[in-house]
Protein backbone atom coordinates (compact mmCIF):
# COMPACT_ATOMS: atom_id res chain seq x y z
CA UNK A 1 18.96 15.57 17.73
CA UNK A 2 18.06 13.50 20.35
CA UNK A 3 14.48 14.61 20.58
CA UNK A 4 14.18 14.32 16.61
CA UNK A 5 15.30 10.73 16.86
CA UNK A 6 12.96 10.94 19.90
CA UNK A 7 9.90 12.05 17.57
CA UNK A 8 11.36 9.25 14.88
CA UNK A 9 11.37 6.13 17.29
CA UNK A 10 7.60 6.99 19.24
CA UNK A 11 6.82 7.48 15.31
CA UNK A 12 7.87 3.87 14.08
CA UNK A 13 6.24 2.45 17.74
CA UNK A 14 3.01 4.21 16.75
CA UNK A 15 3.05 3.00 13.21
CA UNK A 16 4.05 -0.72 14.10
CA UNK A 17 0.96 -0.68 17.35
CA UNK A 18 -1.71 0.21 14.53
CA UNK A 19 -0.54 -2.14 11.78
CA UNK A 20 -0.12 -5.00 14.03
CA UNK A 21 -3.43 -4.22 15.86
CA UNK A 22 -5.32 -4.90 12.87
CA UNK A 23 -4.28 -8.38 12.73
CA UNK A 24 -4.74 -8.81 16.32
CA UNK A 25 -8.28 -6.66 17.16
CA UNK A 26 -11.38 -8.63 15.67
CA UNK A 27 -12.92 -8.17 12.60
CA UNK A 28 -15.44 -10.92 11.01
CA UNK A 29 -16.40 -9.06 7.91
CA UNK A 30 -15.38 -7.01 5.05
CA UNK A 31 -17.24 -4.21 7.17
CA UNK A 32 -15.75 -4.73 10.45
CA UNK A 33 -12.60 -5.36 8.72
CA UNK A 34 -12.76 -2.16 6.89
CA UNK A 35 -13.62 -0.21 9.80
CA UNK A 36 -10.87 -1.53 11.98
CA UNK A 37 -8.31 -0.55 8.99
CA UNK A 38 -9.76 3.14 8.93
CA UNK A 39 -9.29 3.55 13.14
CA UNK A 40 -5.97 2.28 12.83
CA UNK A 41 -4.31 3.25 9.53
CA UNK A 42 -5.69 6.49 9.12
CA UNK A 43 -7.59 7.82 12.50
CA UNK A 44 -5.00 7.58 14.89
CA UNK A 45 -2.43 8.36 12.32
CA UNK A 46 -4.55 11.74 11.91
CA UNK A 47 -4.95 12.75 15.56
CA UNK A 48 -1.25 11.26 16.01
CA UNK A 49 0.31 14.40 13.29
CA UNK A 50 -2.39 16.89 13.82
CA UNK A 51 -2.11 16.41 17.87
CA UNK A 52 1.19 15.32 19.01
CA UNK A 53 3.54 16.48 16.71
CA UNK A 54 1.08 19.12 15.39
CA UNK A 55 2.28 19.03 12.17
CA UNK A 56 0.32 19.49 8.93
CA UNK A 57 -0.87 16.17 7.32
CA UNK A 58 0.61 17.76 3.68
CA UNK A 59 3.86 16.78 5.32
CA UNK A 60 2.47 12.91 5.72
CA UNK A 61 2.65 12.70 2.04
CA UNK A 62 -0.95 13.75 1.58
CA UNK A 63 -0.18 16.20 -0.85
CA UNK A 64 -0.70 16.94 -4.81
CA UNK A 65 2.62 18.80 -4.66
CA UNK A 66 5.40 17.09 -6.99
CA UNK A 67 3.42 16.66 -9.87
CA UNK A 68 6.51 16.42 -12.34
CA UNK A 69 8.35 13.93 -10.14
CA UNK A 70 5.58 12.33 -9.01
CA UNK A 71 4.03 11.40 -12.92
CA UNK A 72 7.51 10.10 -13.82
CA UNK A 73 8.56 7.75 -11.35
CA UNK A 74 4.85 6.25 -11.38
CA UNK A 75 4.23 6.27 -14.85
CA UNK A 76 7.73 4.30 -14.74
CA UNK A 77 6.57 2.42 -11.96
CA UNK A 78 3.63 1.25 -13.53
CA UNK A 79 5.10 0.27 -17.09
CA UNK A 80 7.79 -1.89 -14.85
CA UNK A 81 5.01 -3.36 -13.45
CA UNK A 82 2.97 -4.53 -16.16
CA UNK A 83 6.46 -5.79 -18.42
CA UNK A 84 7.72 -7.77 -15.53
CA UNK A 85 4.15 -9.88 -14.57
CA UNK A 86 3.54 -9.93 -18.20
CA UNK A 87 7.15 -12.34 -18.19
CA UNK A 88 6.06 -13.86 -15.27
CA UNK A 89 2.37 -14.65 -16.53
CA UNK A 90 3.80 -15.98 -19.41
CA UNK A 91 6.43 -18.07 -18.35
CA UNK A 92 5.09 -19.57 -15.09
CA UNK A 93 2.00 -20.72 -13.95
CA UNK A 94 0.80 -17.38 -11.79
CA UNK A 95 -2.28 -17.10 -13.02
CA UNK A 96 -3.69 -20.12 -11.36
CA UNK A 97 -2.58 -19.33 -8.32
CA UNK A 98 -3.30 -15.58 -8.35
CA UNK A 99 -6.82 -15.76 -9.44
CA UNK A 100 -10.07 -13.02 -7.85
CA UNK A 101 -12.80 -13.59 -6.83
CA UNK A 102 -15.79 -15.85 -8.34
CA UNK A 103 -18.29 -13.60 -8.71
CA UNK A 104 -16.07 -11.01 -10.31
CA UNK A 105 -16.70 -13.32 -13.14
CA UNK A 106 -19.43 -13.45 -13.01
CA UNK A 107 -20.28 -10.13 -14.13
CA UNK A 108 -18.37 -7.08 -15.58
CA UNK A 109 -20.32 -4.55 -12.80
CA UNK A 110 -19.53 -7.24 -10.21
CA UNK A 111 -15.56 -6.73 -11.35
CA UNK A 112 -16.07 -3.12 -11.08
CA UNK A 113 -17.07 -2.93 -7.76
CA UNK A 114 -14.99 -5.13 -6.40
CA UNK A 115 -11.82 -2.99 -8.05
CA UNK A 116 -13.19 0.47 -7.17
CA UNK A 117 -14.96 -0.36 -3.26
CA UNK A 118 -13.39 -3.38 -2.13
CA UNK A 119 -10.03 -3.58 -3.32
CA UNK A 120 -9.20 0.18 -4.00
CA UNK A 121 -10.42 1.47 -0.23
CA UNK A 122 -8.19 -0.98 1.68
CA UNK A 123 -5.33 -0.43 -1.04
CA UNK A 124 -5.59 3.46 -0.11
CA UNK A 125 -5.53 3.36 3.74
CA UNK A 126 -1.99 0.92 3.23
CA UNK A 127 -0.69 3.43 0.98
CA UNK A 128 -1.63 6.57 3.52
CA UNK A 129 -0.43 5.04 6.07
CA UNK A 130 2.84 2.89 4.76
CA UNK A 131 3.50 5.67 1.94
CA UNK A 132 1.88 8.93 3.84
CA UNK A 133 2.76 8.40 7.65
CA UNK A 134 5.24 6.35 8.37
CA UNK A 135 7.50 6.97 5.24
CA UNK A 136 7.51 10.21 6.02
CA UNK A 137 8.29 9.96 9.81
CA UNK A 138 11.04 7.97 9.57
CA UNK A 139 12.89 9.55 5.57
CA UNK A 140 13.98 12.53 7.64
CA UNK A 141 16.42 11.00 9.84
CA UNK A 142 16.72 7.59 8.05
CA UNK A 143 16.74 8.58 4.06
CA UNK A 144 16.34 6.00 1.53
CA UNK A 145 16.75 3.34 4.63
CA UNK A 146 12.65 5.02 5.42
CA UNK A 147 12.06 2.67 2.32
CA UNK A 148 13.14 -0.50 3.48
CA UNK A 149 11.54 -0.16 6.60
CA UNK A 150 8.20 0.75 5.70
CA UNK A 151 8.28 -2.52 3.18
CA UNK A 152 9.61 -4.09 5.93
CA UNK A 153 6.86 -3.50 8.86
CA UNK A 154 4.03 -4.29 5.91
CA UNK A 155 5.41 -7.61 4.68
CA UNK A 156 6.11 -8.87 7.81
CA UNK A 157 3.01 -10.06 8.81
CA UNK A 158 1.86 -10.79 5.21
CA UNK A 159 4.75 -13.53 4.91
CA UNK A 160 4.21 -14.54 8.51
CA UNK A 161 0.74 -14.99 8.37
CA UNK A 162 -0.18 -15.74 4.42
CA UNK A 163 0.88 -18.98 2.98
CA UNK A 164 0.36 -18.19 0.27
CA UNK A 165 3.82 -15.80 -1.02
CA UNK A 166 2.76 -15.79 -4.48
CA UNK A 167 -0.80 -14.12 -4.32
CA UNK A 168 0.71 -11.27 -2.43
CA UNK A 169 3.69 -11.04 -4.97
CA UNK A 170 2.15 -7.52 -6.55
CA UNK A 171 1.89 -6.80 -2.79
CA UNK A 172 5.16 -7.12 -1.99
CA UNK A 173 6.90 -5.79 -5.24
CA UNK A 174 4.25 -2.98 -4.90
CA UNK A 175 5.57 -2.04 -1.35
CA UNK A 176 9.05 -1.73 -1.98
CA UNK A 177 9.11 0.27 -5.69
CA UNK A 178 5.81 2.18 -4.29
CA UNK A 179 8.06 3.34 -1.51
CA UNK A 180 10.70 4.67 -3.52
CA UNK A 181 8.27 6.44 -5.30
CA UNK A 182 6.56 8.13 -2.71
CA UNK A 183 10.24 8.56 -1.21
CA UNK A 184 10.82 10.90 -4.19
CA UNK A 185 8.06 12.14 -4.60
CA UNK A 186 7.44 13.23 -1.20
CA UNK A 187 3.56 12.01 -1.66
CA UNK A 188 1.65 8.57 -1.37
CA UNK A 189 -0.97 9.31 -4.09
CA UNK A 190 1.59 9.01 -7.31
CA UNK A 191 1.99 5.06 -6.09
CA UNK A 192 -1.15 5.04 -5.04
CA UNK A 193 -2.61 5.49 -8.48
CA UNK A 194 0.29 3.67 -10.08
CA UNK A 195 -0.71 0.55 -7.78
CA UNK A 196 -4.49 0.59 -7.92
CA UNK A 197 -4.41 0.82 -12.18
CA UNK A 198 -1.81 -2.11 -12.36
CA UNK A 199 -3.75 -4.24 -9.56
CA UNK A 200 -7.28 -3.43 -11.29
CA UNK A 201 -5.54 -4.66 -15.09
CA UNK A 202 -4.09 -7.37 -13.66
CA UNK A 203 -7.08 -8.47 -12.27
CA UNK A 204 -8.59 -8.14 -16.07
CA UNK A 205 -6.42 -9.53 -17.77
CA UNK A 206 -5.85 -12.68 -15.34
CA UNK A 207 -9.66 -13.46 -15.69
CA UNK A 208 -9.91 -12.72 -19.81
CA UNK A 209 -6.94 -15.28 -20.01
CA UNK A 210 -8.40 -18.10 -17.81
CA UNK A 211 -12.04 -17.72 -19.45
């Protein structure tokens, strides 16, 4: 039992180290930022799982096995987010604060490039790391608490280093509710798909109503 707790604790510390290195490792542009994210959120966890834990990466959320459960909870997540942010936009001035970059408003192809490349790649890496690696490393010993812990690790630097809480609100909610979807399905795939579709449609809607 002690060995299992030691593995869980060490995996948690590895995850915290990797994530915080993203904020402290110098990156001057998007390409450097992407490279840093790939190294700390994907490469290090992959080799840690394969070489240190000697486990299958499919046990860390990289699978498509529980499709029915995943699609059910992923669909529910998307519908909840759609209704929630429709009400937020309708009754607040959220759309004045949460604004996509100016260049994506100029051309539809720029918008697709921004969403499918810039947003998608970083979001995918975060989902693999938090909903895959970290959540799976904690779930066996901590159960549902693993959802809160992986969300807290993600949100702590985001809320500390960002002075724009409203702009990060979609990611705040996705970190927690997406974690629940990943926990139920034992895969990051369904929370990632629901989150990516939602973020793309949210940006498109914000651009549309601000024209």
